[in-house]
ModelCIF file with pLDDT and N, C-alpha, C, O atoms, coordinates in Angstrom:
data_MODEL
#
_entry.id   MODEL 
#
_entity.id                         1 
_entity.type                       polymer 
_entity.pdbx_number_of_molecules   1 
#
_entity_poly.entity_id                      1 
_entity_poly.type                           'polypeptide(L)' 
_entity_poly.nstd_linkage                   no 
_entity_poly.nstd_monomer                   no 
_entity_poly.pdbx_seq_one_letter_code       ERGSTLDAIAVEAGVSKGGLLYHFKTKDDLA 
_entity_poly.pdbx_seq_one_letter_code_can   ERGSTLDAIAVEAGVSKGGLLYHFKTKDDLA 
_entity_poly.pdbx_strand_id                 A 
#
loop_
_entity_poly_seq.entity_id 
_entity_poly_seq.num 
_entity_poly_seq.mon_id 
_entity_poly_seq.hetero 
1 1  GLU n 
1 2  ARG n 
1 3  GLY n 
1 4  SER n 
1 5  THR n 
1 6  LEU n 
1 7  ASP n 
1 8  ALA n 
1 9  ILE n 
1 10 ALA n 
1 11 VAL n 
1 12 GLU n 
1 13 ALA n 
1 14 GLY n 
1 15 VAL n 
1 16 SER n 
1 17 LYS n 
1 18 GLY n 
1 19 GLY n 
1 20 LEU n 
1 21 LEU n 
1 22 TYR n 
1 23 HIS n 
1 24 PHE n 
1 25 LYS n 
1 26 THR n 
1 27 LYS n 
1 28 ASP n 
1 29 ASP n 
1 30 LEU n 
1 31 ALA n 
#
_struct_asym.id          A 
_struct_asym.entity_id   1 
#
loop_
_ma_qa_metric.id 
_ma_qa_metric.mode 
_ma_qa_metric.name 
_ma_qa_metric.software_group_id 
_ma_qa_metric.type 
1 global pLDDT . pLDDT 
2 local  pLDDT . pLDDT 
#
_ma_qa_metric_global.metric_id      1 
_ma_qa_metric_global.metric_value   95.13 
_ma_qa_metric_global.model_id       1 
_ma_qa_metric_global.ordinal_id     1 
#
loop_
_ma_qa_metric_local.label_asym_id 
_ma_qa_metric_local.label_comp_id 
_ma_qa_metric_local.label_seq_id 
_ma_qa_metric_local.metric_id 
_ma_qa_metric_local.metric_value 
_ma_qa_metric_local.model_id 
_ma_qa_metric_local.ordinal_id 
A GLU 1  2 91.00 1 1  
A ARG 2  2 91.00 1 2  
A GLY 3  2 92.00 1 3  
A SER 4  2 93.00 1 4  
A THR 5  2 93.00 1 5  
A LEU 6  2 94.00 1 6  
A ASP 7  2 95.00 1 7  
A ALA 8  2 95.00 1 8  
A ILE 9  2 96.00 1 9  
A ALA 10 2 97.00 1 10 
A VAL 11 2 96.00 1 11 
A GLU 12 2 96.00 1 12 
A ALA 13 2 97.00 1 13 
A GLY 14 2 96.00 1 14 
A VAL 15 2 97.00 1 15 
A SER 16 2 96.00 1 16 
A LYS 17 2 95.00 1 17 
A GLY 18 2 95.00 1 18 
A GLY 19 2 95.00 1 19 
A LEU 20 2 95.00 1 20 
A LEU 21 2 96.00 1 21 
A TYR 22 2 96.00 1 22 
A HIS 23 2 96.00 1 23 
A PHE 24 2 96.00 1 24 
A LYS 25 2 95.00 1 25 
A THR 26 2 94.00 1 26 
A LYS 27 2 94.00 1 27 
A ASP 28 2 96.00 1 28 
A ASP 29 2 97.00 1 29 
A LEU 30 2 97.00 1 30 
A ALA 31 2 97.00 1 31 
#
loop_
_atom_site.group_PDB 
_atom_site.id 
_atom_site.type_symbol 
_atom_site.label_atom_id 
_atom_site.label_alt_id 
_atom_site.label_comp_id 
_atom_site.label_asym_id 
_atom_site.label_entity_id 
_atom_site.label_seq_id 
_atom_site.pdbx_PDB_ins_code 
_atom_site.Cartn_x 
_atom_site.Cartn_y 
_atom_site.Cartn_z 
_atom_site.occupancy 
_atom_site.B_iso_or_equiv 
_atom_site.pdbx_formal_charge 
_atom_site.auth_seq_id 
_atom_site.auth_comp_id 
_atom_site.auth_asym_id 
_atom_site.auth_atom_id 
_atom_site.pdbx_PDB_model_num 
ATOM 1   N N  . GLU A 1 1  ? 0.826   -1.209 0.000   1.00 91.00 ? 1  GLU A N  1 
ATOM 2   C CA . GLU A 1 1  ? 0.000   0.000  0.000   1.00 91.00 ? 1  GLU A CA 1 
ATOM 3   C C  . GLU A 1 1  ? 0.860   1.258  0.000   1.00 91.00 ? 1  GLU A C  1 
ATOM 4   O O  . GLU A 1 1  ? 0.556   2.209  -0.720  1.00 91.00 ? 1  GLU A O  1 
ATOM 5   N N  . ARG A 1 2  ? 1.902   1.280  0.775   1.00 91.00 ? 2  ARG A N  1 
ATOM 6   C CA . ARG A 1 2  ? 2.765   2.470  0.830   1.00 91.00 ? 2  ARG A CA 1 
ATOM 7   C C  . ARG A 1 2  ? 3.677   2.596  -0.376  1.00 91.00 ? 2  ARG A C  1 
ATOM 8   O O  . ARG A 1 2  ? 4.071   3.702  -0.745  1.00 91.00 ? 2  ARG A O  1 
ATOM 9   N N  . GLY A 1 3  ? 4.012   1.481  -0.987  1.00 92.00 ? 3  GLY A N  1 
ATOM 10  C CA . GLY A 1 3  ? 4.923   1.510  -2.123  1.00 92.00 ? 3  GLY A CA 1 
ATOM 11  C C  . GLY A 1 3  ? 4.276   1.917  -3.436  1.00 92.00 ? 3  GLY A C  1 
ATOM 12  O O  . GLY A 1 3  ? 4.974   2.284  -4.382  1.00 92.00 ? 3  GLY A O  1 
ATOM 13  N N  . SER A 1 4  ? 2.969   1.858  -3.506  1.00 93.00 ? 4  SER A N  1 
ATOM 14  C CA . SER A 1 4  ? 2.279   2.237  -4.746  1.00 93.00 ? 4  SER A CA 1 
ATOM 15  C C  . SER A 1 4  ? 2.050   3.749  -4.732  1.00 93.00 ? 4  SER A C  1 
ATOM 16  O O  . SER A 1 4  ? 1.434   4.291  -3.814  1.00 93.00 ? 4  SER A O  1 
ATOM 17  N N  . THR A 1 5  ? 2.559   4.415  -5.769  1.00 93.00 ? 5  THR A N  1 
ATOM 18  C CA . THR A 1 5  ? 2.420   5.873  -5.854  1.00 93.00 ? 5  THR A CA 1 
ATOM 19  C C  . THR A 1 5  ? 1.545   6.242  -7.044  1.00 93.00 ? 5  THR A C  1 
ATOM 20  O O  . THR A 1 5  ? 1.458   5.503  -8.024  1.00 93.00 ? 5  THR A O  1 
ATOM 21  N N  . LEU A 1 6  ? 0.906   7.386  -6.941  1.00 94.00 ? 6  LEU A N  1 
ATOM 22  C CA . LEU A 1 6  ? 0.063   7.845  -8.048  1.00 94.00 ? 6  LEU A CA 1 
ATOM 23  C C  . LEU A 1 6  ? 0.876   8.005  -9.324  1.00 94.00 ? 6  LEU A C  1 
ATOM 24  O O  . LEU A 1 6  ? 0.406   7.655  -10.406 1.00 94.00 ? 6  LEU A O  1 
ATOM 25  N N  . ASP A 1 7  ? 2.098   8.533  -9.207  1.00 95.00 ? 7  ASP A N  1 
ATOM 26  C CA . ASP A 1 7  ? 2.950   8.714  -10.395 1.00 95.00 ? 7  ASP A CA 1 
ATOM 27  C C  . ASP A 1 7  ? 3.242   7.379  -11.070 1.00 95.00 ? 7  ASP A C  1 
ATOM 28  O O  . ASP A 1 7  ? 3.106   7.255  -12.287 1.00 95.00 ? 7  ASP A O  1 
ATOM 29  N N  . ALA A 1 8  ? 3.641   6.380  -10.286 1.00 95.00 ? 8  ALA A N  1 
ATOM 30  C CA . ALA A 1 8  ? 3.968   5.071  -10.850 1.00 95.00 ? 8  ALA A CA 1 
ATOM 31  C C  . ALA A 1 8  ? 2.734   4.394  -11.427 1.00 95.00 ? 8  ALA A C  1 
ATOM 32  O O  . ALA A 1 8  ? 2.817   3.726  -12.458 1.00 95.00 ? 8  ALA A O  1 
ATOM 33  N N  . ILE A 1 9  ? 1.601   4.558  -10.776 1.00 96.00 ? 9  ILE A N  1 
ATOM 34  C CA . ILE A 1 9  ? 0.355   3.970  -11.278 1.00 96.00 ? 9  ILE A CA 1 
ATOM 35  C C  . ILE A 1 9  ? -0.005  4.595  -12.620 1.00 96.00 ? 9  ILE A C  1 
ATOM 36  O O  . ILE A 1 9  ? -0.392  3.892  -13.553 1.00 96.00 ? 9  ILE A O  1 
ATOM 37  N N  . ALA A 1 10 ? 0.121   5.905  -12.714 1.00 97.00 ? 10 ALA A N  1 
ATOM 38  C CA . ALA A 1 10 ? -0.183  6.599  -13.974 1.00 97.00 ? 10 ALA A CA 1 
ATOM 39  C C  . ALA A 1 10 ? 0.717   6.105  -15.098 1.00 97.00 ? 10 ALA A C  1 
ATOM 40  O O  . ALA A 1 10 ? 0.241   5.826  -16.199 1.00 97.00 ? 10 ALA A O  1 
ATOM 41  N N  . VAL A 1 11 ? 2.013   5.996  -14.828 1.00 96.00 ? 11 VAL A N  1 
ATOM 42  C CA . VAL A 1 11 ? 2.959   5.520  -15.851 1.00 96.00 ? 11 VAL A CA 1 
ATOM 43  C C  . VAL A 1 11 ? 2.590   4.115  -16.302 1.00 96.00 ? 11 VAL A C  1 
ATOM 44  O O  . VAL A 1 11 ? 2.517   3.842  -17.500 1.00 96.00 ? 11 VAL A O  1 
ATOM 45  N N  . GLU A 1 12 ? 2.356   3.220  -15.338 1.00 96.00 ? 12 GLU A N  1 
ATOM 46  C CA . GLU A 1 12 ? 2.023   1.833  -15.682 1.00 96.00 ? 12 GLU A CA 1 
ATOM 47  C C  . GLU A 1 12 ? 0.709   1.738  -16.447 1.00 96.00 ? 12 GLU A C  1 
ATOM 48  O O  . GLU A 1 12 ? 0.561   0.886  -17.323 1.00 96.00 ? 12 GLU A O  1 
ATOM 49  N N  . ALA A 1 13 ? -0.241  2.605  -16.122 1.00 97.00 ? 13 ALA A N  1 
ATOM 50  C CA . ALA A 1 13 ? -1.543  2.590  -16.793 1.00 97.00 ? 13 ALA A CA 1 
ATOM 51  C C  . ALA A 1 13 ? -1.498  3.282  -18.158 1.00 97.00 ? 13 ALA A C  1 
ATOM 52  O O  . ALA A 1 13 ? -2.446  3.183  -18.937 1.00 97.00 ? 13 ALA A O  1 
ATOM 53  N N  . GLY A 1 14 ? -0.402  3.979  -18.445 1.00 96.00 ? 14 GLY A N  1 
ATOM 54  C CA . GLY A 1 14 ? -0.284  4.673  -19.726 1.00 96.00 ? 14 GLY A CA 1 
ATOM 55  C C  . GLY A 1 14 ? -1.137  5.930  -19.806 1.00 96.00 ? 14 GLY A C  1 
ATOM 56  O O  . GLY A 1 14 ? -1.632  6.289  -20.874 1.00 96.00 ? 14 GLY A O  1 
ATOM 57  N N  . VAL A 1 15 ? -1.305  6.596  -18.668 1.00 97.00 ? 15 VAL A N  1 
ATOM 58  C CA . VAL A 1 15 ? -2.067  7.846  -18.628 1.00 97.00 ? 15 VAL A CA 1 
ATOM 59  C C  . VAL A 1 15 ? -1.212  8.903  -17.940 1.00 97.00 ? 15 VAL A C  1 
ATOM 60  O O  . VAL A 1 15 ? -0.259  8.583  -17.230 1.00 97.00 ? 15 VAL A O  1 
ATOM 61  N N  . SER A 1 16 ? -1.561  10.149 -18.157 1.00 96.00 ? 16 SER A N  1 
ATOM 62  C CA . SER A 1 16 ? -0.872  11.215 -17.438 1.00 96.00 ? 16 SER A CA 1 
ATOM 63  C C  . SER A 1 16 ? -1.351  11.222 -15.989 1.00 96.00 ? 16 SER A C  1 
ATOM 64  O O  . SER A 1 16 ? -2.378  10.628 -15.662 1.00 96.00 ? 16 SER A O  1 
ATOM 65  N N  . LYS A 1 17 ? -0.599  11.896 -15.133 1.00 95.00 ? 17 LYS A N  1 
ATOM 66  C CA . LYS A 1 17 ? -1.049  11.986 -13.743 1.00 95.00 ? 17 LYS A CA 1 
ATOM 67  C C  . LYS A 1 17 ? -2.374  12.745 -13.688 1.00 95.00 ? 17 LYS A C  1 
ATOM 68  O O  . LYS A 1 17 ? -3.244  12.428 -12.877 1.00 95.00 ? 17 LYS A O  1 
ATOM 69  N N  . GLY A 1 18 ? -2.521  13.748 -14.555 1.00 95.00 ? 18 GLY A N  1 
ATOM 70  C CA . GLY A 1 18 ? -3.790  14.473 -14.630 1.00 95.00 ? 18 GLY A CA 1 
ATOM 71  C C  . GLY A 1 18 ? -4.931  13.559 -15.053 1.00 95.00 ? 18 GLY A C  1 
ATOM 72  O O  . GLY A 1 18 ? -6.054  13.697 -14.569 1.00 95.00 ? 18 GLY A O  1 
ATOM 73  N N  . GLY A 1 19 ? -4.641  12.625 -15.958 1.00 95.00 ? 19 GLY A N  1 
ATOM 74  C CA . GLY A 1 19 ? -5.653  11.660 -16.379 1.00 95.00 ? 19 GLY A CA 1 
ATOM 75  C C  . GLY A 1 19 ? -6.062  10.750 -15.236 1.00 95.00 ? 19 GLY A C  1 
ATOM 76  O O  . GLY A 1 19 ? -7.240  10.425 -15.082 1.00 95.00 ? 19 GLY A O  1 
ATOM 77  N N  . LEU A 1 20 ? -5.083  10.338 -14.432 1.00 95.00 ? 20 LEU A N  1 
ATOM 78  C CA . LEU A 1 20 ? -5.397  9.526  -13.267 1.00 95.00 ? 20 LEU A CA 1 
ATOM 79  C C  . LEU A 1 20 ? -6.258  10.330 -12.298 1.00 95.00 ? 20 LEU A C  1 
ATOM 80  O O  . LEU A 1 20 ? -7.262  9.828  -11.792 1.00 95.00 ? 20 LEU A O  1 
ATOM 81  N N  . LEU A 1 21 ? -5.862  11.586 -12.038 1.00 96.00 ? 21 LEU A N  1 
ATOM 82  C CA . LEU A 1 21 ? -6.589  12.419 -11.084 1.00 96.00 ? 21 LEU A CA 1 
ATOM 83  C C  . LEU A 1 21 ? -7.988  12.784 -11.578 1.00 96.00 ? 21 LEU A C  1 
ATOM 84  O O  . LEU A 1 21 ? -8.861  13.113 -10.774 1.00 96.00 ? 21 LEU A O  1 
ATOM 85  N N  . TYR A 1 22 ? -8.204  12.730 -12.880 1.00 96.00 ? 22 TYR A N  1 
ATOM 86  C CA . TYR A 1 22 ? -9.546  12.959 -13.417 1.00 96.00 ? 22 TYR A CA 1 
ATOM 87  C C  . TYR A 1 22 ? -10.500 11.864 -12.924 1.00 96.00 ? 22 TYR A C  1 
ATOM 88  O O  . TYR A 1 22 ? -11.653 12.130 -12.582 1.00 96.00 ? 22 TYR A O  1 
ATOM 89  N N  . HIS A 1 23 ? -9.994  10.638 -12.896 1.00 96.00 ? 23 HIS A N  1 
ATOM 90  C CA . HIS A 1 23 ? -10.817 9.496  -12.476 1.00 96.00 ? 23 HIS A CA 1 
ATOM 91  C C  . HIS A 1 23 ? -10.814 9.304  -10.964 1.00 96.00 ? 23 HIS A C  1 
ATOM 92  O O  . HIS A 1 23 ? -11.832 8.931  -10.382 1.00 96.00 ? 23 HIS A O  1 
ATOM 93  N N  . PHE A 1 24 ? -9.673  9.558  -10.329 1.00 96.00 ? 24 PHE A N  1 
ATOM 94  C CA . PHE A 1 24 ? -9.512  9.330  -8.890  1.00 96.00 ? 24 PHE A CA 1 
ATOM 95  C C  . PHE A 1 24 ? -8.758  10.518 -8.314  1.00 96.00 ? 24 PHE A C  1 
ATOM 96  O O  . PHE A 1 24 ? -7.558  10.666 -8.543  1.00 96.00 ? 24 PHE A O  1 
ATOM 97  N N  . LYS A 1 25 ? -9.449  11.352 -7.578  1.00 95.00 ? 25 LYS A N  1 
ATOM 98  C CA . LYS A 1 25 ? -8.862  12.603 -7.053  1.00 95.00 ? 25 LYS A CA 1 
ATOM 99  C C  . LYS A 1 25 ? -7.753  12.352 -6.034  1.00 95.00 ? 25 LYS A C  1 
ATOM 100 O O  . LYS A 1 25 ? -6.809  13.136 -5.934  1.00 95.00 ? 25 LYS A O  1 
ATOM 101 N N  . THR A 1 26 ? -7.868  11.263 -5.283  1.00 94.00 ? 26 THR A N  1 
ATOM 102 C CA . THR A 1 26 ? -6.886  10.962 -4.243  1.00 94.00 ? 26 THR A CA 1 
ATOM 103 C C  . THR A 1 26 ? -6.587  9.460  -4.251  1.00 94.00 ? 26 THR A C  1 
ATOM 104 O O  . THR A 1 26 ? -7.275  8.672  -4.901  1.00 94.00 ? 26 THR A O  1 
ATOM 105 N N  . LYS A 1 27 ? -5.552  9.096  -3.519  1.00 94.00 ? 27 LYS A N  1 
ATOM 106 C CA . LYS A 1 27 ? -5.234  7.686  -3.376  1.00 94.00 ? 27 LYS A CA 1 
ATOM 107 C C  . LYS A 1 27 ? -6.362  6.964  -2.634  1.00 94.00 ? 27 LYS A C  1 
ATOM 108 O O  . LYS A 1 27 ? -6.621  5.787  -2.885  1.00 94.00 ? 27 LYS A O  1 
ATOM 109 N N  . ASP A 1 28 ? -7.024  7.669  -1.729  1.00 96.00 ? 28 ASP A N  1 
ATOM 110 C CA . ASP A 1 28 ? -8.168  7.098  -1.025  1.00 96.00 ? 28 ASP A CA 1 
ATOM 111 C C  . ASP A 1 28 ? -9.309  6.793  -2.001  1.00 96.00 ? 28 ASP A C  1 
ATOM 112 O O  . ASP A 1 28 ? -9.963  5.756  -1.889  1.00 96.00 ? 28 ASP A O  1 
ATOM 113 N N  . ASP A 1 29 ? -9.545  7.698  -2.957  1.00 97.00 ? 29 ASP A N  1 
ATOM 114 C CA . ASP A 1 29 ? -10.566 7.453  -3.980  1.00 97.00 ? 29 ASP A CA 1 
ATOM 115 C C  . ASP A 1 29 ? -10.201 6.246  -4.836  1.00 97.00 ? 29 ASP A C  1 
ATOM 116 O O  . ASP A 1 29 ? -11.066 5.463  -5.229  1.00 97.00 ? 29 ASP A O  1 
ATOM 117 N N  . LEU A 1 30 ? -8.919  6.109  -5.117  1.00 97.00 ? 30 LEU A N  1 
ATOM 118 C CA . LEU A 1 30 ? -8.436  4.971  -5.899  1.00 97.00 ? 30 LEU A CA 1 
ATOM 119 C C  . LEU A 1 30 ? -8.694  3.670  -5.139  1.00 97.00 ? 30 LEU A C  1 
ATOM 120 O O  . LEU A 1 30 ? -9.148  2.688  -5.727  1.00 97.00 ? 30 LEU A O  1 
ATOM 121 N N  . ALA A 1 31 ? -8.408  3.659  -3.848  1.00 97.00 ? 31 ALA A N  1 
ATOM 122 C CA . ALA A 1 31 ? -8.667  2.477  -3.035  1.00 97.00 ? 31 ALA A CA 1 
ATOM 123 C C  . ALA A 1 31 ? -10.159 2.163  -2.997  1.00 97.00 ? 31 ALA A C  1 
ATOM 124 O O  . ALA A 1 31 ? -10.571 1.196  -2.357  1.00 97.00 ? 31 ALA A O  1 
#
């Protein structure tokens, strides 16, 4: 849980960090 970062998730998903934040505003929203 602590090792997963929004930046790394965005890169792996092939989206920008802004694209990730469009769908999930926070890591809590992602969870």
